[in-house]
Amino acid sequence: MSNGPSGSVSGEWADHAVDWSASSAGRANLYAWFSALFAAELSESVIGAYQQGDAETLLVGLDAIGLTAEVERLQAAIGSWGKIPFLKQELAADFAQLFLLDVKQSAMPYASAYLDPEGQLYGKPHQQMQEFLRANGLQVHTAFKEPSDHLAVLLACMEALIRQGLETSGDSRLRAASTQVDFLRNALQTWLPTFVNQCQQLGKNTVCDFYPALTALLRAFILEDIAFLEAASELA
């Protein structure tokens, strides 16, 4: 996975209600982008690309679907990078502080950390995701040594579901939209708000607001996507 921008999304999703393929392609690109950003630290090349404005087309699209405040916050975080000495190292430290420590010190990006009664990793959500992956012919990349309920995996699964339903219509589109919205509600919305809130609290101690801003943007995007899928279901 690359954590650079991967395509763009149209700013007029309402107009794409009759063009499922076009809107789905844009949405899949966004889920791939979010997935990559939560999977690993930013590379030097991606940091440089972002500083050159390579994410702007994607962010403008998110702005156009109503996520203006969240987009402006992320843009401001990226805009502050020029003032941070040893930028790559500081962003890596922020990533580690937010996502890589234990459950008491960080916002762990695993569903099990929030849904398992004991907060243990590799809990029931991990097992459920393994079953979901097998049932849908999907698998986690062998180089990604994380539990199956990692946020990056869930977002990549959403991308895959969208791409599987790109060329559907009528009842098939209805089923695709229903499958996608069910996945968002059951696999992500059951714990993502708590994860995002923890990121906002912990972000008070990070050098840069990039990752707290990113999590807030993801939360807003998923809510918007659920609304889009519900509307698409009505028009199928």
C-alpha atoms as a PDB file:
ATOM      1  CA  MET A   1       0.000   0.000   0.000  1.00  0.00           C
ATOM      2  CA  SER A   2       1.107   3.565  -0.665  1.00  0.00           C
ATOM      3  CA  ASN A   3       0.110   6.391   1.626  1.00  0.00           C
ATOM      4  CA  GLY A   4       0.111   8.952  -1.147  1.00  0.00           C
ATOM      5  CA  PRO A   5      -3.049  10.240  -2.831  1.00  0.00           C
ATOM      6  CA  SER A   6      -4.690   7.581  -5.007  1.00  0.00           C
ATOM      7  CA  GLY A   7      -7.067   9.233  -7.427  1.00  0.00           C
ATOM      8  CA  SER A   8      -9.748  11.805  -6.732  1.00  0.00           C
ATOM      9  CA  VAL A   9     -13.376  11.885  -5.741  1.00  0.00           C
ATOM     10  CA  SER A  10     -16.068  13.954  -7.366  1.00  0.00           C
ATOM     11  CA  GLY A  11     -17.420  16.844  -5.370  1.00  0.00           C
ATOM     12  CA  GLU A  12     -20.961  16.251  -6.635  1.00  0.00           C
ATOM     13  CA  TRP A  13     -21.993  12.918  -5.195  1.00  0.00           C
ATOM     14  CA  ALA A  14     -25.676  13.769  -5.527  1.00  0.00           C
ATOM     15  CA  ASP A  15     -25.235  14.001  -9.295  1.00  0.00           C
ATOM     16  CA  HIS A  16     -23.502  10.617  -9.247  1.00  0.00           C
ATOM     17  CA  ALA A  17     -26.539   8.909  -7.722  1.00  0.00           C
ATOM     18  CA  VAL A  18     -27.386   7.864 -11.289  1.00  0.00           C
ATOM     19  CA  ASP A  19     -23.734   7.012 -12.047  1.00  0.00           C
ATOM     20  CA  TRP A  20     -22.905   4.362  -9.481  1.00  0.00           C
ATOM     21  CA  SER A  21     -19.642   3.350 -11.151  1.00  0.00           C
ATOM     22  CA  ALA A  22     -18.176   6.860 -11.133  1.00  0.00           C
ATOM     23  CA  SER A  23     -19.056   7.567  -7.505  1.00  0.00           C
ATOM     24  CA  SER A  24     -17.922   4.111  -6.408  1.00  0.00           C
ATOM     25  CA  ALA A  25     -14.515   4.512  -8.049  1.00  0.00           C
ATOM     26  CA  GLY A  26     -13.960   7.791  -6.231  1.00  0.00           C
ATOM     27  CA  ARG A  27     -15.085   6.337  -2.919  1.00  0.00           C
ATOM     28  CA  ALA A  28     -12.826   3.308  -3.323  1.00  0.00           C
ATOM     29  CA  ASN A  29      -9.858   5.596  -3.918  1.00  0.00           C
ATOM     30  CA  LEU A  30     -10.625   7.461  -0.715  1.00  0.00           C
ATOM     31  CA  TYR A  31     -10.841   4.305   1.369  1.00  0.00           C
ATOM     32  CA  ALA A  32      -7.537   3.139  -0.119  1.00  0.00           C
ATOM     33  CA  TRP A  33      -5.970   6.491   0.796  1.00  0.00           C
ATOM     34  CA  PHE A  34      -7.198   6.403   4.372  1.00  0.00           C
ATOM     35  CA  SER A  35      -6.159   2.758   4.731  1.00  0.00           C
ATOM     36  CA  ALA A  36      -2.601   3.439   3.640  1.00  0.00           C
ATOM     37  CA  LEU A  37      -2.244   6.424   5.964  1.00  0.00           C
ATOM     38  CA  PHE A  38      -3.206   4.328   8.990  1.00  0.00           C
ATOM     39  CA  ALA A  39      -1.140   1.321   7.914  1.00  0.00           C
ATOM     40  CA  ALA A  40       2.318   2.863   8.226  1.00  0.00           C
ATOM     41  CA  GLU A  41       4.293   5.990   8.916  1.00  0.00           C
ATOM     42  CA  LEU A  42       4.635   8.547   6.130  1.00  0.00           C
ATOM     43  CA  SER A  43       7.628   8.048   3.877  1.00  0.00           C
ATOM     44  CA  GLU A  44       9.974  10.887   2.953  1.00  0.00           C
ATOM     45  CA  SER A  45       8.679  10.881  -0.620  1.00  0.00           C
ATOM     46  CA  VAL A  46       5.031  11.106   0.442  1.00  0.00           C
ATOM     47  CA  ILE A  47       5.791  13.929   2.874  1.00  0.00           C
ATOM     48  CA  GLY A  48       7.464  15.818   0.041  1.00  0.00           C
ATOM     49  CA  ALA A  49       4.549  15.135  -2.297  1.00  0.00           C
ATOM     50  CA  TYR A  50       2.045  16.434   0.223  1.00  0.00           C
ATOM     51  CA  GLN A  51       4.119  19.572   0.740  1.00  0.00           C
ATOM     52  CA  GLN A  52       3.989  20.090  -3.024  1.00  0.00           C
ATOM     53  CA  GLY A  53       0.174  19.914  -2.914  1.00  0.00           C
ATOM     54  CA  ASP A  54      -0.335  16.413  -4.330  1.00  0.00           C
ATOM     55  CA  ALA A  55      -3.258  15.720  -1.978  1.00  0.00           C
ATOM     56  CA  GLU A  56      -5.156  18.878  -2.868  1.00  0.00           C
ATOM     57  CA  THR A  57      -7.388  17.394  -5.578  1.00  0.00           C
ATOM     58  CA  LEU A  58      -8.558  14.720  -3.186  1.00  0.00           C
ATOM     59  CA  LEU A  59      -9.077  17.198  -0.342  1.00  0.00           C
ATOM     60  CA  VAL A  60     -10.999  19.590  -2.586  1.00  0.00           C
ATOM     61  CA  GLY A  61     -13.341  16.723  -3.424  1.00  0.00           C
ATOM     62  CA  LEU A  62     -13.904  16.029   0.271  1.00  0.00           C
ATOM     63  CA  ASP A  63     -14.507  19.724   0.857  1.00  0.00           C
ATOM     64  CA  ALA A  64     -17.134  19.730  -1.880  1.00  0.00           C
ATOM     65  CA  ILE A  65     -19.191  16.993  -0.196  1.00  0.00           C
ATOM     66  CA  GLY A  66     -19.497  19.110   2.944  1.00  0.00           C
ATOM     67  CA  LEU A  67     -16.420  18.218   4.995  1.00  0.00           C
ATOM     68  CA  THR A  68     -14.987  21.734   4.875  1.00  0.00           C
ATOM     69  CA  ALA A  69     -14.012  22.108   8.531  1.00  0.00           C
ATOM     70  CA  GLU A  70     -12.273  18.726   8.646  1.00  0.00           C
ATOM     71  CA  VAL A  71     -10.464  19.339   5.355  1.00  0.00           C
ATOM     72  CA  GLU A  72      -9.274  22.788   6.416  1.00  0.00           C
ATOM     73  CA  ARG A  73      -7.934  21.327   9.649  1.00  0.00           C
ATOM     74  CA  LEU A  74      -5.910  18.698   7.781  1.00  0.00           C
ATOM     75  CA  GLN A  75      -4.674  21.299   5.301  1.00  0.00           C
ATOM     76  CA  ALA A  76      -3.549  23.490   8.188  1.00  0.00           C
ATOM     77  CA  ALA A  77      -1.677  20.556   9.718  1.00  0.00           C
ATOM     78  CA  ILE A  78       0.132  19.881   6.433  1.00  0.00           C
ATOM     79  CA  GLY A  79       0.799  23.599   6.056  1.00  0.00           C
ATOM     80  CA  SER A  80       2.580  23.606   9.428  1.00  0.00           C
ATOM     81  CA  TRP A  81       5.111  20.988   8.333  1.00  0.00           C
ATOM     82  CA  GLY A  82       7.551  23.581   7.017  1.00  0.00           C
ATOM     83  CA  LYS A  83       8.007  24.892  10.556  1.00  0.00           C
ATOM     84  CA  ILE A  84       8.854  21.511  12.103  1.00  0.00           C
ATOM     85  CA  PRO A  85      12.549  20.521  12.267  1.00  0.00           C
ATOM     86  CA  PHE A  86      13.239  16.825  11.626  1.00  0.00           C
ATOM     87  CA  LEU A  87       9.746  16.520  10.180  1.00  0.00           C
ATOM     88  CA  LYS A  88       9.802  12.834   9.193  1.00  0.00           C
ATOM     89  CA  GLN A  89      11.050  11.797  12.611  1.00  0.00           C
ATOM     90  CA  GLU A  90       8.477  13.941  14.395  1.00  0.00           C
ATOM     91  CA  LEU A  91       5.605  12.570  12.302  1.00  0.00           C
ATOM     92  CA  ALA A  92       6.852   9.040  12.971  1.00  0.00           C
ATOM     93  CA  ALA A  93       6.951   9.824  16.693  1.00  0.00           C
ATOM     94  CA  ASP A  94       3.383  11.146  16.537  1.00  0.00           C
ATOM     95  CA  PHE A  95       2.275   7.981  14.719  1.00  0.00           C
ATOM     96  CA  ALA A  96       3.916   5.833  17.377  1.00  0.00           C
ATOM     97  CA  GLN A  97       2.516   7.856  20.262  1.00  0.00           C
ATOM     98  CA  LEU A  98      -1.022   7.726  18.943  1.00  0.00           C
ATOM     99  CA  PHE A  99      -1.221   4.201  17.523  1.00  0.00           C
ATOM    100  CA  LEU A 100       1.620   1.944  18.656  1.00  0.00           C
ATOM    101  CA  LEU A 101       1.668   2.049  22.456  1.00  0.00           C
ATOM    102  CA  ASP A 102      -0.578   0.018  24.749  1.00  0.00           C
ATOM    103  CA  VAL A 103      -4.288   0.601  25.226  1.00  0.00           C
ATOM    104  CA  LYS A 104      -3.744   2.869  28.248  1.00  0.00           C
ATOM    105  CA  GLN A 105      -1.312   5.174  26.469  1.00  0.00           C
ATOM    106  CA  SER A 106      -2.515   5.321  22.861  1.00  0.00           C
ATOM    107  CA  ALA A 107      -5.560   5.073  20.616  1.00  0.00           C
ATOM    108  CA  MET A 108      -4.934   1.573  19.380  1.00  0.00           C
ATOM    109  CA  PRO A 109      -6.302   1.105  15.829  1.00  0.00           C
ATOM    110  CA  TYR A 110      -7.854  -2.302  16.493  1.00  0.00           C
ATOM    111  CA  ALA A 111     -11.545  -3.069  16.951  1.00  0.00           C
ATOM    112  CA  SER A 112     -10.720  -5.616  19.674  1.00  0.00           C
ATOM    113  CA  ALA A 113      -9.182  -2.912  21.863  1.00  0.00           C
ATOM    114  CA  TYR A 114     -12.628  -1.309  22.142  1.00  0.00           C
ATOM    115  CA  LEU A 115     -15.092  -4.175  21.693  1.00  0.00           C
ATOM    116  CA  ASP A 116     -13.425  -7.075  23.494  1.00  0.00           C
ATOM    117  CA  PRO A 117     -14.598  -7.178  27.152  1.00  0.00           C
ATOM    118  CA  GLU A 118     -10.989  -7.365  28.320  1.00  0.00           C
ATOM    119  CA  GLY A 119      -9.652  -5.015  25.675  1.00  0.00           C
ATOM    120  CA  GLN A 120      -7.422  -7.793  24.412  1.00  0.00           C
ATOM    121  CA  LEU A 121      -6.048  -7.878  20.883  1.00  0.00           C
ATOM    122  CA  TYR A 122      -6.917 -10.827  18.617  1.00  0.00           C
ATOM    123  CA  GLY A 123     -10.357 -10.921  20.236  1.00  0.00           C
ATOM    124  CA  LYS A 124     -13.746 -11.655  18.707  1.00  0.00           C
ATOM    125  CA  PRO A 125     -13.609  -8.731  16.198  1.00  0.00           C
ATOM    126  CA  HIS A 126     -10.341 -10.131  14.835  1.00  0.00           C
ATOM    127  CA  GLN A 127     -11.894 -13.576  14.442  1.00  0.00           C
ATOM    128  CA  GLN A 128     -14.982 -12.095  12.782  1.00  0.00           C
ATOM    129  CA  MET A 129     -12.820 -10.210  10.310  1.00  0.00           C
ATOM    130  CA  GLN A 130     -10.870 -13.339   9.466  1.00  0.00           C
ATOM    131  CA  GLU A 131     -14.159 -15.071   8.667  1.00  0.00           C
ATOM    132  CA  PHE A 132     -15.315 -12.082   6.629  1.00  0.00           C
ATOM    133  CA  LEU A 133     -12.096 -12.061   4.626  1.00  0.00           C
ATOM    134  CA  ARG A 134     -12.375 -15.763   3.837  1.00  0.00           C
ATOM    135  CA  ALA A 135     -16.047 -15.491   2.903  1.00  0.00           C
ATOM    136  CA  ASN A 136     -15.327 -12.652   0.468  1.00  0.00           C
ATOM    137  CA  GLY A 137     -12.168 -14.080  -1.071  1.00  0.00           C
ATOM    138  CA  LEU A 138      -9.961 -11.412   0.497  1.00  0.00           C
ATOM    139  CA  GLN A 139      -6.709 -11.601   2.412  1.00  0.00           C
ATOM    140  CA  VAL A 140      -4.406  -9.287   4.306  1.00  0.00           C
ATOM    141  CA  HIS A 141      -1.134  -8.564   2.503  1.00  0.00           C
ATOM    142  CA  THR A 142       1.537 -10.879   3.910  1.00  0.00           C
ATOM    143  CA  ALA A 143       3.842  -7.911   4.580  1.00  0.00           C
ATOM    144  CA  PHE A 144       1.277  -6.325   6.917  1.00  0.00           C
ATOM    145  CA  LYS A 145       1.882  -8.102  10.222  1.00  0.00           C
ATOM    146  CA  GLU A 146      -1.164  -6.867  12.116  1.00  0.00           C
ATOM    147  CA  PRO A 147      -4.421  -8.395  13.397  1.00  0.00           C
ATOM    148  CA  SER A 148      -7.258  -8.554  10.898  1.00  0.00           C
ATOM    149  CA  ASP A 149      -9.299  -5.987  12.846  1.00  0.00           C
ATOM    150  CA  HIS A 150      -6.716  -3.237  12.330  1.00  0.00           C
ATOM    151  CA  LEU A 151      -8.294  -0.034  11.017  1.00  0.00           C
ATOM    152  CA  ALA A 152      -6.185  -0.136   7.858  1.00  0.00           C
ATOM    153  CA  VAL A 153      -7.482  -3.631   7.074  1.00  0.00           C
ATOM    154  CA  LEU A 154     -11.109  -2.644   7.623  1.00  0.00           C
ATOM    155  CA  LEU A 155     -10.734   0.369   5.330  1.00  0.00           C
ATOM    156  CA  ALA A 156      -9.030  -1.773   2.686  1.00  0.00           C
ATOM    157  CA  CYS A 157     -11.929  -4.251   2.956  1.00  0.00           C
ATOM    158  CA  MET A 158     -14.362  -1.423   2.346  1.00  0.00           C
ATOM    159  CA  GLU A 159     -12.375  -0.457  -0.741  1.00  0.00           C
ATOM    160  CA  ALA A 160     -12.576  -4.055  -1.977  1.00  0.00           C
ATOM    161  CA  LEU A 161     -16.334  -4.241  -1.387  1.00  0.00           C
ATOM    162  CA  ILE A 162     -16.834  -1.057  -3.358  1.00  0.00           C
ATOM    163  CA  ARG A 163     -14.735  -2.280  -6.283  1.00  0.00           C
ATOM    164  CA  GLN A 164     -16.640  -5.581  -6.324  1.00  0.00           C
ATOM    165  CA  GLY A 165     -19.873  -3.644  -6.793  1.00  0.00           C
ATOM    166  CA  LEU A 166     -18.647  -1.097  -9.348  1.00  0.00           C
ATOM    167  CA  GLU A 167     -20.665  -2.321 -12.333  1.00  0.00           C
ATOM    168  CA  THR A 168     -23.935  -3.243 -10.654  1.00  0.00           C
ATOM    169  CA  SER A 169     -27.433  -1.910 -11.263  1.00  0.00           C
ATOM    170  CA  GLY A 170     -30.982  -2.458 -10.027  1.00  0.00           C
ATOM    171  CA  ASP A 171     -31.285  -5.150  -7.361  1.00  0.00           C
ATOM    172  CA  SER A 172     -27.561  -5.895  -7.531  1.00  0.00           C
ATOM    173  CA  ARG A 173     -26.753  -2.277  -6.753  1.00  0.00           C
ATOM    174  CA  LEU A 174     -29.199  -2.339  -3.866  1.00  0.00           C
ATOM    175  CA  ARG A 175     -27.465  -5.407  -2.440  1.00  0.00           C
ATOM    176  CA  ALA A 176     -24.024  -3.820  -2.931  1.00  0.00           C
ATOM    177  CA  ALA A 177     -25.063  -0.614  -1.176  1.00  0.00           C
ATOM    178  CA  SER A 178     -26.686  -2.601   1.644  1.00  0.00           C
ATOM    179  CA  THR A 179     -23.570  -4.766   2.102  1.00  0.00           C
ATOM    180  CA  GLN A 180     -21.341  -1.716   2.223  1.00  0.00           C
ATOM    181  CA  VAL A 181     -23.445   0.243   4.683  1.00  0.00           C
ATOM    182  CA  ASP A 182     -23.805  -2.810   6.924  1.00  0.00           C
ATOM    183  CA  PHE A 183     -20.022  -3.211   6.934  1.00  0.00           C
ATOM    184  CA  LEU A 184     -19.517   0.431   7.885  1.00  0.00           C
ATOM    185  CA  ARG A 185     -22.026   0.227  10.697  1.00  0.00           C
ATOM    186  CA  ASN A 186     -20.970  -3.138  12.130  1.00  0.00           C
ATOM    187  CA  ALA A 187     -17.221  -3.232  11.518  1.00  0.00           C
ATOM    188  CA  LEU A 188     -16.349   0.446  11.988  1.00  0.00           C
ATOM    189  CA  GLN A 189     -19.026   2.581  13.595  1.00  0.00           C
ATOM    190  CA  THR A 190     -19.196   0.287  16.638  1.00  0.00           C
ATOM    191  CA  TRP A 191     -15.795   1.554  17.806  1.00  0.00           C
ATOM    192  CA  LEU A 192     -14.438   4.251  15.476  1.00  0.00           C
ATOM    193  CA  PRO A 193     -16.050   7.222  17.336  1.00  0.00           C
ATOM    194  CA  THR A 194     -14.305   6.174  20.574  1.00  0.00           C
ATOM    195  CA  PHE A 195     -11.016   5.731  18.723  1.00  0.00           C
ATOM    196  CA  VAL A 196     -11.331   9.182  17.133  1.00  0.00           C
ATOM    197  CA  ASN A 197     -12.176  10.826  20.454  1.00  0.00           C
ATOM    198  CA  GLN A 198      -9.103   9.268  22.039  1.00  0.00           C
ATOM    199  CA  CYS A 199      -6.989  10.570  19.173  1.00  0.00           C
ATOM    200  CA  GLN A 200      -8.280  14.072  19.788  1.00  0.00           C
ATOM    201  CA  GLN A 201      -7.338  13.885  23.462  1.00  0.00           C
ATOM    202  CA  LEU A 202      -3.915  12.359  22.861  1.00  0.00           C
ATOM    203  CA  GLY A 203      -3.302  14.772  20.003  1.00  0.00           C
ATOM    204  CA  LYS A 204      -2.875  17.577  22.514  1.00  0.00           C
ATOM    205  CA  ASN A 205       0.582  16.133  23.172  1.00  0.00           C
ATOM    206  CA  THR A 206       1.693  15.472  19.585  1.00  0.00           C
ATOM    207  CA  VAL A 207       4.059  17.747  17.688  1.00  0.00           C
ATOM    208  CA  CYS A 208       1.689  18.043  14.715  1.00  0.00           C
ATOM    209  CA  ASP A 209      -2.107  17.866  14.370  1.00  0.00           C
ATOM    210  CA  PHE A 210      -1.890  15.722  11.220  1.00  0.00           C
ATOM    211  CA  TYR A 211      -3.065  12.385  12.635  1.00  0.00           C
ATOM    212  CA  PRO A 212      -5.766  13.777  14.963  1.00  0.00           C
ATOM    213  CA  ALA A 213      -7.057  15.822  12.006  1.00  0.00           C
ATOM    214  CA  LEU A 214      -6.936  12.745   9.774  1.00  0.00           C
ATOM    215  CA  THR A 215      -9.005  10.685  12.204  1.00  0.00           C
ATOM    216  CA  ALA A 216     -11.597  13.460  12.465  1.00  0.00           C
ATOM    217  CA  LEU A 217     -11.794  13.626   8.667  1.00  0.00           C
ATOM    218  CA  LEU A 218     -12.228   9.851   8.451  1.00  0.00           C
ATOM    219  CA  ARG A 219     -15.094   9.922  10.958  1.00  0.00           C
ATOM    220  CA  ALA A 220     -16.872  12.680   9.027  1.00  0.00           C
ATOM    221  CA  PHE A 221     -16.289  10.939   5.683  1.00  0.00           C
ATOM    222  CA  ILE A 222     -17.753   7.642   6.882  1.00  0.00           C
ATOM    223  CA  LEU A 223     -20.882   9.372   8.159  1.00  0.00           C
ATOM    224  CA  GLU A 224     -21.219  11.081   4.777  1.00  0.00           C
ATOM    225  CA  ASP A 225     -20.658   7.783   2.992  1.00  0.00           C
ATOM    226  CA  ILE A 226     -23.357   6.041   5.004  1.00  0.00           C
ATOM    227  CA  ALA A 227     -25.788   8.786   3.987  1.00  0.00           C
ATOM    228  CA  PHE A 228     -24.696   8.404   0.358  1.00  0.00           C
ATOM    229  CA  LEU A 229     -25.229   4.639   0.423  1.00  0.00           C
ATOM    230  CA  GLU A 230     -28.666   5.022   1.966  1.00  0.00           C
ATOM    231  CA  ALA A 231     -29.621   7.465  -0.798  1.00  0.00           C
ATOM    232  CA  ALA A 232     -28.176   5.139  -3.458  1.00  0.00           C
ATOM    233  CA  SER A 233     -30.263   2.277  -2.042  1.00  0.00           C
ATOM    234  CA  GLU A 234     -33.422   4.331  -2.460  1.00  0.00           C
ATOM    235  CA  LEU A 235     -32.551   5.086  -6.102  1.00  0.00           C
ATOM    236  CA  ALA A 236     -31.474   1.569  -7.051  1.00  0.00           C
END
